PDB file of N, CA and C in Angstrom:
ATOM      1  N   MET A   1     -24.212   6.797  -9.757  1.00  0.00           N
ATOM      2  CA  MET A   1     -23.337   5.613 -10.261  1.00  0.00           C
ATOM      3  C   MET A   1     -23.221   4.539  -9.600  1.00  0.00           C
ATOM      4  N   CYS A   2     -23.312   2.904  -9.599  1.00  0.00           N
ATOM      5  CA  CYS A   2     -22.851   2.282  -8.222  1.00  0.00           C
ATOM      6  C   CYS A   2     -22.303   1.205  -9.052  1.00  0.00           C
ATOM      7  N   ILE A   3     -21.081   0.969  -8.040  1.00  0.00           N
ATOM      8  CA  ILE A   3     -20.167   0.051  -8.245  1.00  0.00           C
ATOM      9  C   ILE A   3     -20.481  -1.570  -8.200  1.00  0.00           C
ATOM     10  N   SER A   4     -20.440  -2.400  -9.130  1.00  0.00           N
ATOM     11  CA  SER A   4     -20.425  -3.893  -8.541  1.00  0.00           C
ATOM     12  C   SER A   4     -20.068  -4.483  -7.817  1.00  0.00           C
ATOM     13  N   LYS A   5     -20.404  -5.383  -7.319  1.00  0.00           N
ATOM     14  CA  LYS A   5     -19.547  -6.447  -6.556  1.00  0.00           C
ATOM     15  C   LYS A   5     -18.266  -6.509  -6.844  1.00  0.00           C
ATOM     16  N   LYS A   6     -18.423  -7.329  -7.778  1.00  0.00           N
ATOM     17  CA  LYS A   6     -17.185  -7.711  -9.100  1.00  0.00           C
ATOM     18  C   LYS A   6     -16.347  -6.546  -9.530  1.00  0.00           C
ATOM     19  N   SER A   7     -16.643  -5.495  -9.342  1.00  0.00           N
ATOM     20  CA  SER A   7     -15.525  -3.918 -10.076  1.00  0.00           C
ATOM     21  C   SER A   7     -15.001  -3.866  -8.637  1.00  0.00           C
ATOM     22  N   LYS A   8     -16.056  -3.633  -7.422  1.00  0.00           N
ATOM     23  CA  LYS A   8     -15.298  -3.459  -6.338  1.00  0.00           C
ATOM     24  C   LYS A   8     -14.355  -4.709  -5.603  1.00  0.00           C
ATOM     25  N   LYS A   9     -14.428  -6.096  -6.414  1.00  0.00           N
ATOM     26  CA  LYS A   9     -13.632  -6.811  -5.654  1.00  0.00           C
ATOM     27  C   LYS A   9     -12.177  -6.558  -6.676  1.00  0.00           C
ATOM     28  N   ASN A  10     -12.307  -6.528  -7.758  1.00  0.00           N
ATOM     29  CA  ASN A  10     -11.493  -6.091  -8.696  1.00  0.00           C
ATOM     30  C   ASN A  10     -10.223  -4.970  -8.736  1.00  0.00           C
ATOM     31  N   PHE A  11     -10.902  -3.694  -7.199  1.00  0.00           N
ATOM     32  CA  PHE A  11     -10.670  -2.840  -7.204  1.00  0.00           C
ATOM     33  C   PHE A  11      -9.203  -3.147  -6.009  1.00  0.00           C
ATOM     34  N   ARG A  12     -10.531  -4.164  -5.227  1.00  0.00           N
ATOM     35  CA  ARG A  12      -9.415  -4.417  -3.893  1.00  0.00           C
ATOM     36  C   ARG A  12      -8.091  -5.409  -4.159  1.00  0.00           C
ATOM     37  N   SER A  13      -8.282  -5.976  -4.892  1.00  0.00           N
ATOM     38  CA  SER A  13      -7.281  -6.619  -5.343  1.00  0.00           C
ATOM     39  C   SER A  13      -6.360  -6.229  -5.580  1.00  0.00           C
ATOM     40  N   GLU A  14      -6.441  -4.875  -6.384  1.00  0.00           N
ATOM     41  CA  GLU A  14      -5.060  -4.579  -7.210  1.00  0.00           C
ATOM     42  C   GLU A  14      -5.308  -3.171  -5.901  1.00  0.00           C
ATOM     43  N   TRP A  15      -5.723  -2.517  -5.083  1.00  0.00           N
ATOM     44  CA  TRP A  15      -5.620  -2.027  -3.731  1.00  0.00           C
ATOM     45  C   TRP A  15      -5.362  -2.589  -2.750  1.00  0.00           C
ATOM     46  N   ARG A  16      -4.364  -2.102  -2.158  1.00  0.00           N
ATOM     47  CA  ARG A  16      -4.547  -2.785  -0.197  1.00  0.00           C
ATOM     48  C   ARG A  16      -3.977  -1.924   0.230  1.00  0.00           C
ATOM     49  N   THR A  17      -4.496  -2.226   1.696  1.00  0.00           N
ATOM     50  CA  THR A  17      -3.886  -1.550   3.006  1.00  0.00           C
ATOM     51  C   THR A  17      -2.702  -1.806   3.555  1.00  0.00           C
ATOM     52  N   LEU A  18      -1.743  -1.056   4.335  1.00  0.00           N
ATOM     53  CA  LEU A  18      -0.793  -1.278   4.593  1.00  0.00           C
ATOM     54  C   LEU A  18      -0.315  -3.386   5.703  1.00  0.00           C
ATOM     55  N   THR A  19      -1.560  -3.259   6.201  1.00  0.00           N
ATOM     56  CA  THR A  19      -1.839  -4.618   6.769  1.00  0.00           C
ATOM     57  C   THR A  19      -2.046  -5.343   5.981  1.00  0.00           C
ATOM     58  N   GLU A  20      -2.829  -5.445   4.789  1.00  0.00           N
ATOM     59  CA  GLU A  20      -2.950  -6.452   3.904  1.00  0.00           C
ATOM     60  C   GLU A  20      -1.040  -6.912   3.158  1.00  0.00           C
ATOM     61  N   LEU A  21      -0.677  -5.099   2.719  1.00  0.00           N
ATOM     62  CA  LEU A  21       0.673  -5.975   1.816  1.00  0.00           C
ATOM     63  C   LEU A  21       1.699  -6.576   3.426  1.00  0.00           C
ATOM     64  N   GLY A  22       1.288  -5.728   4.229  1.00  0.00           N
ATOM     65  CA  GLY A  22       2.570  -6.167   5.237  1.00  0.00           C
ATOM     66  C   GLY A  22       2.394  -8.096   5.919  1.00  0.00           C
ATOM     67  N   ALA A  23       1.351  -8.418   5.840  1.00  0.00           N
ATOM     68  CA  ALA A  23       0.813  -9.460   5.898  1.00  0.00           C
ATOM     69  C   ALA A  23       1.279 -10.685   4.910  1.00  0.00           C
ATOM     70  N   GLU A  24       1.713  -9.728   3.720  1.00  0.00           N
ATOM     71  CA  GLU A  24       1.719 -11.122   2.485  1.00  0.00           C
ATOM     72  C   GLU A  24       3.409 -10.780   2.463  1.00  0.00           C
ATOM     73  N   PHE A  25       3.985  -9.991   3.401  1.00  0.00           N
ATOM     74  CA  PHE A  25       5.684 -10.604   3.923  1.00  0.00           C
ATOM     75  C   PHE A  25       6.019 -10.692   4.749  1.00  0.00           C
ATOM     76  N   GLY A  26       4.702 -10.804   5.759  1.00  0.00           N
ATOM     77  CA  GLY A  26       5.094 -11.389   7.094  1.00  0.00           C
ATOM     78  C   GLY A  26       5.311 -10.498   8.082  1.00  0.00           C
ATOM     79  N   LYS A  27       5.049  -9.043   7.667  1.00  0.00           N
ATOM     80  CA  LYS A  27       5.331  -8.181   8.846  1.00  0.00           C
ATOM     81  C   LYS A  27       3.833  -7.661   8.999  1.00  0.00           C
ATOM     82  N   SER A  28       4.138  -6.769  10.430  1.00  0.00           N
ATOM     83  CA  SER A  28       2.762  -5.675  10.330  1.00  0.00           C
ATOM     84  C   SER A  28       2.913  -4.316   9.781  1.00  0.00           C
ATOM     85  N   ALA A  29       1.589  -3.781   9.719  1.00  0.00           N
ATOM     86  CA  ALA A  29       1.736  -2.537   8.874  1.00  0.00           C
ATOM     87  C   ALA A  29       2.229  -1.795   9.537  1.00  0.00           C
ATOM     88  N   ILE A  30       2.568  -1.674  10.450  1.00  0.00           N
ATOM     89  CA  ILE A  30       4.052  -0.846  10.930  1.00  0.00           C
ATOM     90  C   ILE A  30       5.084  -0.882  10.493  1.00  0.00           C
ATOM     91  N   ALA A  31       5.668  -1.698  10.359  1.00  0.00           N
ATOM     92  CA  ALA A  31       6.861  -2.366   9.990  1.00  0.00           C
ATOM     93  C   ALA A  31       6.929  -2.506   8.585  1.00  0.00           C
ATOM     94  N   PHE A  32       5.580  -2.442   7.781  1.00  0.00           N
ATOM     95  CA  PHE A  32       5.593  -2.667   6.117  1.00  0.00           C
ATOM     96  C   PHE A  32       5.911  -0.946   5.631  1.00  0.00           C
ATOM     97  N   GLY A  33       5.199  -0.594   6.565  1.00  0.00           N
ATOM     98  CA  GLY A  33       5.223   1.540   6.453  1.00  0.00           C
ATOM     99  C   GLY A  33       6.831   1.437   6.702  1.00  0.00           C
ATOM    100  N   LYS A  34       7.806   1.127   7.389  1.00  0.00           N
ATOM    101  CA  LYS A  34       9.230   1.288   7.717  1.00  0.00           C
ATOM    102  C   LYS A  34       9.377   0.937   6.795  1.00  0.00           C
ATOM    103  N   ILE A  35       8.988  -0.132   6.124  1.00  0.00           N
ATOM    104  CA  ILE A  35      10.104  -0.869   4.661  1.00  0.00           C
ATOM    105  C   ILE A  35       9.338   0.728   3.398  1.00  0.00           C
ATOM    106  N   LEU A  36       8.108   0.884   3.579  1.00  0.00           N
ATOM    107  CA  LEU A  36       7.929   2.107   2.023  1.00  0.00           C
ATOM    108  C   LEU A  36       8.964   3.826   2.470  1.00  0.00           C
ATOM    109  N   LYS A  37       9.066   3.568   3.992  1.00  0.00           N
ATOM    110  CA  LYS A  37       9.549   4.578   4.345  1.00  0.00           C
ATOM    111  C   LYS A  37      11.728   4.916   3.395  1.00  0.00           C
ATOM    112  N   GLU A  38      11.543   2.889   3.936  1.00  0.00           N
ATOM    113  CA  GLU A  38      13.171   2.764   3.406  1.00  0.00           C
ATOM    114  C   GLU A  38      13.179   3.195   2.236  1.00  0.00           C
ATOM    115  N   ASN A  39      12.275   2.885   1.427  1.00  0.00           N
ATOM    116  CA  ASN A  39      12.089   2.741  -0.258  1.00  0.00           C
ATOM    117  C   ASN A  39      11.509   3.779  -0.592  1.00  0.00           C
ATOM    118  N   ALA A  40      11.672   5.125   0.089  1.00  0.00           N
ATOM    119  CA  ALA A  40      11.222   6.530  -0.789  1.00  0.00           C
ATOM    120  C   ALA A  40       9.792   6.968  -0.940  1.00  0.00           C
ATOM    121  N   LEU A  41       8.827   5.646  -0.136  1.00  0.00           N
ATOM    122  CA  LEU A  41       7.212   5.652  -0.861  1.00  0.00           C
ATOM    123  C   LEU A  41       6.992   6.398   0.259  1.00  0.00           C
ATOM    124  N   ARG A  42       7.044   6.668   1.231  1.00  0.00           N
ATOM    125  CA  ARG A  42       6.327   7.834   2.517  1.00  0.00           C
ATOM    126  C   ARG A  42       7.729   8.402   3.224  1.00  0.00           C
ATOM    127  N   ASP A  43       6.915   9.430   3.613  1.00  0.00           N
ATOM    128  CA  ASP A  43       7.893  10.321   3.886  1.00  0.00           C
ATOM    129  C   ASP A  43       7.922  10.394   5.706  1.00  0.00           C
ATOM    130  N   ALA A  44       8.549  10.781   7.075  1.00  0.00           N
ATOM    131  CA  ALA A  44       8.988  10.363   7.985  1.00  0.00           C
ATOM    132  C   ALA A  44       7.593  10.694   8.767  1.00  0.00           C
ATOM    133  N   GLU A  45       6.267  11.362   8.538  1.00  0.00           N
ATOM    134  CA  GLU A  45       4.990  11.309   8.834  1.00  0.00           C
ATOM    135  C   GLU A  45       4.403  10.143   8.402  1.00  0.00           C
ATOM    136  N   GLY A  46       4.817   9.713   7.085  1.00  0.00           N
ATOM    137  CA  GLY A  46       3.961   8.592   7.019  1.00  0.00           C
ATOM    138  C   GLY A  46       3.033   8.903   5.500  1.00  0.00           C
ATOM    139  N   THR A  47       3.065  10.396   4.973  1.00  0.00           N
ATOM    140  CA  THR A  47       2.756  10.635   4.103  1.00  0.00           C
ATOM    141  C   THR A  47       3.481   9.854   2.657  1.00  0.00           C
ATOM    142  N   PRO A  48       2.567   9.613   2.130  1.00  0.00           N
ATOM    143  CA  PRO A  48       3.379   9.036   0.361  1.00  0.00           C
ATOM    144  C   PRO A  48       4.401   9.996  -0.236  1.00  0.00           C
ATOM    145  N   THR A  49       5.522   9.805  -0.382  1.00  0.00           N
ATOM    146  CA  THR A  49       5.862  10.871  -1.490  1.00  0.00           C
ATOM    147  C   THR A  49       5.582  11.184  -2.917  1.00  0.00           C
ATOM    148  N   GLU A  50       6.410  11.719  -3.284  1.00  0.00           N
ATOM    149  CA  GLU A  50       6.203  12.158  -5.000  1.00  0.00           C
ATOM    150  C   GLU A  50       6.770  10.761  -5.673  1.00  0.00           C
ATOM    151  N   VAL A  51       7.840   9.793  -4.796  1.00  0.00           N
ATOM    152  CA  VAL A  51       8.188   8.865  -5.824  1.00  0.00           C
ATOM    153  C   VAL A  51       7.317   8.181  -5.498  1.00  0.00           C
ATOM    154  N   ALA A  52       6.283   7.990  -4.961  1.00  0.00           N
ATOM    155  CA  ALA A  52       4.739   7.042  -4.841  1.00  0.00           C
ATOM    156  C   ALA A  52       3.410   7.630  -5.592  1.00  0.00           C
ATOM    157  N   SER A  53       3.751   8.633  -6.670  1.00  0.00           N
ATOM    158  CA  SER A  53       2.935   9.239  -7.215  1.00  0.00           C
ATOM    159  C   SER A  53       2.253   8.249  -8.327  1.00  0.00           C
ATOM    160  N   GLY A  54       1.033   8.315  -8.017  1.00  0.00           N
ATOM    161  CA  GLY A  54       0.007   7.208  -9.214  1.00  0.00           C
ATOM    162  C   GLY A  54       0.180   5.226  -8.229  1.00  0.00           C
ATOM    163  N   LEU A  55       1.325   5.421  -6.708  1.00  0.00           N
ATOM    164  CA  LEU A  55       1.062   3.833  -6.376  1.00  0.00           C
ATOM    165  C   LEU A  55       0.037   3.998  -5.351  1.00  0.00           C
ATOM    166  N   PHE A  56      -0.562   5.616  -4.850  1.00  0.00           N
ATOM    167  CA  PHE A  56      -1.579   5.243  -3.699  1.00  0.00           C
ATOM    168  C   PHE A  56      -2.862   6.270  -3.911  1.00  0.00           C
ATOM    169  N   GLN A  57      -3.755   5.811  -3.207  1.00  0.00           N
ATOM    170  CA  GLN A  57      -5.635   6.373  -3.612  1.00  0.00           C
ATOM    171  C   GLN A  57      -5.863   7.019  -1.665  1.00  0.00           C
ATOM    172  N   LYS A  58      -5.559   8.142  -2.066  1.00  0.00           N
ATOM    173  CA  LYS A  58      -5.895   8.820  -0.448  1.00  0.00           C
ATOM    174  C   LYS A  58      -7.510   8.452  -0.430  1.00  0.00           C
ATOM    175  N   ILE A  59      -8.045   7.810   1.058  1.00  0.00           N
ATOM    176  CA  ILE A  59      -9.596   7.095   1.384  1.00  0.00           C
ATOM    177  C   ILE A  59      -9.651   8.235   2.221  1.00  0.00           C
ATOM    178  N   GLU A  60     -10.754   9.252   2.062  1.00  0.00           N
ATOM    179  CA  GLU A  60     -11.643   9.450   2.859  1.00  0.00           C
ATOM    180  C   GLU A  60     -12.755   9.090   3.245  1.00  0.00           C
ATOM    181  N   PRO A  61     -12.668   8.565   4.656  1.00  0.00           N
ATOM    182  CA  PRO A  61     -14.602   7.881   4.890  1.00  0.00           C
ATOM    183  C   PRO A  61     -15.047   8.934   5.690  1.00  0.00           C
ATOM    184  N   ASN A  62     -16.681   9.313   5.276  1.00  0.00           N
ATOM    185  CA  ASN A  62     -17.304  10.176   5.962  1.00  0.00           C
ATOM    186  C   ASN A  62     -17.552  10.063   7.627  1.00  0.00           C
ATOM    187  N   GLN A  63     -16.884   9.223   8.401  1.00  0.00           N
ATOM    188  CA  GLN A  63     -16.016   9.334   9.684  1.00  0.00           C
ATOM    189  C   GLN A  63     -15.177   8.382   9.646  1.00  0.00           C
ATOM    190  N   GLY A  64     -14.382   9.238  11.030  1.00  0.00           N
ATOM    191  CA  GLY A  64     -13.171   8.851  10.874  1.00  0.00           C
ATOM    192  C   GLY A  64     -11.923   9.576   9.911  1.00  0.00           C
ATOM    193  N   LYS A  65     -10.623   8.826  10.287  1.00  0.00           N
ATOM    194  CA  LYS A  65      -9.292   9.906   9.792  1.00  0.00           C
ATOM    195  C   LYS A  65      -8.931   8.628   7.912  1.00  0.00           C
ATOM    196  N   PRO A  66      -8.785   9.951   7.339  1.00  0.00           N
ATOM    197  CA  PRO A  66      -8.267   9.285   6.219  1.00  0.00           C
ATOM    198  C   PRO A  66      -7.019   8.550   5.652  1.00  0.00           C
ATOM    199  N   TYR A  67      -7.079   7.131   4.832  1.00  0.00           N
ATOM    200  CA  TYR A  67      -6.144   6.129   4.784  1.00  0.00           C
ATOM    201  C   TYR A  67      -5.949   6.192   3.650  1.00  0.00           C
ATOM    202  N   TYR A  68      -4.767   5.434   3.511  1.00  0.00           N
ATOM    203  CA  TYR A  68      -4.123   5.314   1.989  1.00  0.00           C
ATOM    204  C   TYR A  68      -4.610   3.542   1.537  1.00  0.00           C
ATOM    205  N   LEU A  69      -5.001   3.828   0.563  1.00  0.00           N
ATOM    206  CA  LEU A  69      -4.480   2.294  -0.135  1.00  0.00           C
ATOM    207  C   LEU A  69      -3.594   2.606  -0.613  1.00  0.00           C
ATOM    208  N   TRP A  70      -2.656   1.497  -1.299  1.00  0.00           N
ATOM    209  CA  TRP A  70      -1.899   1.204  -2.440  1.00  0.00           C
ATOM    210  C   TRP A  70      -1.610  -0.105  -3.312  1.00  0.00           C
ATOM    211  N   ASN A  71      -1.305   0.864  -4.656  1.00  0.00           N
ATOM    212  CA  ASN A  71      -1.499  -0.164  -5.432  1.00  0.00           C
ATOM    213  C   ASN A  71      -0.236  -1.475  -5.514  1.00  0.00           C
ATOM    214  N   HIS A  72      -0.879  -2.909  -5.297  1.00  0.00           N
ATOM    215  CA  HIS A  72      -0.023  -4.044  -4.918  1.00  0.00           C
ATOM    216  C   HIS A  72       1.152  -4.311  -5.860  1.00  0.00           C
ATOM    217  N   GLN A  73       0.962  -4.639  -7.207  1.00  0.00           N
ATOM    218  CA  GLN A  73       2.072  -4.818  -8.260  1.00  0.00           C
ATOM    219  C   GLN A  73       2.756  -3.385  -7.972  1.00  0.00           C
ATOM    220  N   GLY A  74       2.306  -2.104  -8.113  1.00  0.00           N
ATOM    221  CA  GLY A  74       3.397  -1.046  -7.818  1.00  0.00           C
ATOM    222  C   GLY A  74       3.940  -0.966  -7.027  1.00  0.00           C
ATOM    223  N   VAL A  75       3.894  -1.336  -5.438  1.00  0.00           N
ATOM    224  CA  VAL A  75       4.488  -1.195  -4.199  1.00  0.00           C
ATOM    225  C   VAL A  75       5.438  -2.180  -4.055  1.00  0.00           C
ATOM    226  N   VAL A  76       4.860  -3.484  -4.825  1.00  0.00           N
ATOM    227  CA  VAL A  76       6.106  -4.959  -4.486  1.00  0.00           C
ATOM    228  C   VAL A  76       6.918  -4.206  -5.798  1.00  0.00           C
ATOM    229  N   SER A  77       6.811  -3.716  -6.816  1.00  0.00           N
ATOM    230  CA  SER A  77       8.242  -3.904  -7.343  1.00  0.00           C
ATOM    231  C   SER A  77       9.055  -3.126  -6.634  1.00  0.00           C
ATOM    232  N   PHE A  78       9.013  -1.921  -6.251  1.00  0.00           N
ATOM    233  CA  PHE A  78       9.711  -1.127  -5.212  1.00  0.00           C
ATOM    234  C   PHE A  78      10.390  -1.880  -4.215  1.00  0.00           C
ATOM    235  N   ILE A  79       9.616  -3.058  -3.792  1.00  0.00           N
ATOM    236  CA  ILE A  79      10.699  -3.899  -2.576  1.00  0.00           C
ATOM    237  C   ILE A  79      11.247  -5.013  -2.981  1.00  0.00           C
ATOM    238  N   PRO A  80      12.610  -4.637  -2.217  1.00  0.00           N
ATOM    239  CA  PRO A  80      13.483  -5.337  -2.723  1.00  0.00           C
ATOM    240  C   PRO A  80      13.259  -6.657  -2.157  1.00  0.00           C
ATOM    241  N   GLY A  81      13.690  -7.982  -2.878  1.00  0.00           N
ATOM    242  CA  GLY A  81      13.511  -9.291  -1.740  1.00  0.00           C
ATOM    243  C   GLY A  81      12.084 -10.301  -2.326  1.00  0.00           C
ATOM    244  N   LYS A  82      11.286  -9.555  -2.967  1.00  0.00           N
ATOM    245  CA  LYS A  82      10.096  -9.935  -2.943  1.00  0.00           C
ATOM    246  C   LYS A  82       9.795 -11.376  -3.217  1.00  0.00           C
ATOM    247  N   ASP A  83      11.087 -11.604  -4.601  1.00  0.00           N
ATOM    248  CA  ASP A  83      11.241 -13.108  -4.551  1.00  0.00           C
ATOM    249  C   ASP A  83      12.088 -13.657  -4.163  1.00  0.00           C
ATOM    250  N   GLY A  84      12.238 -13.663  -2.442  1.00  0.00           N
ATOM    251  CA  GLY A  84      13.367 -14.616  -2.028  1.00  0.00           C
ATOM    252  C   GLY A  84      14.487 -13.456  -1.806  1.00  0.00           C
ATOM    253  N   ASP A  85      14.811 -12.563  -2.316  1.00  0.00           N
ATOM    254  CA  ASP A  85      16.146 -11.930  -2.341  1.00  0.00           C
ATOM    255  C   ASP A  85      15.836 -10.973  -1.286  1.00  0.00           C
ATOM    256  N   ASP A  86      17.003 -10.353  -0.698  1.00  0.00           N
ATOM    257  CA  ASP A  86      17.413  -9.465   0.457  1.00  0.00           C
ATOM    258  C   ASP A  86      15.603  -9.579   0.656  1.00  0.00           C
ATOM    259  N   ALA A  87      15.579 -10.438   1.010  1.00  0.00           N
ATOM    260  CA  ALA A  87      13.638 -10.345   2.039  1.00  0.00           C
ATOM    261  C   ALA A  87      14.021  -8.913   3.007  1.00  0.00           C
ATOM    262  N   PRO A  88      12.671  -7.878   2.883  1.00  0.00           N
ATOM    263  CA  PRO A  88      13.172  -7.273   3.987  1.00  0.00           C
ATOM    264  C   PRO A  88      12.304  -7.353   5.541  1.00  0.00           C
TER     265      PRO A  88
END
């Protein structure tokens, strides 16, 4: 099964890296990861928690270490201040 470029683009608009999410909030990936921890979406080791169920996908490339993509809309709904109130 081949994923079309359009499908891949739609997937990546919905699923983001910590770097991409952090940039939206004016934060680094590390700082945004801390925000996820503060909102119970990641544990102390940076692994997604049960609270984050359905909000992440683990990506395991053929080479390199695994990483997570996060559901943009789902994660943003957990973060206070996205609309300007109590910005993280």
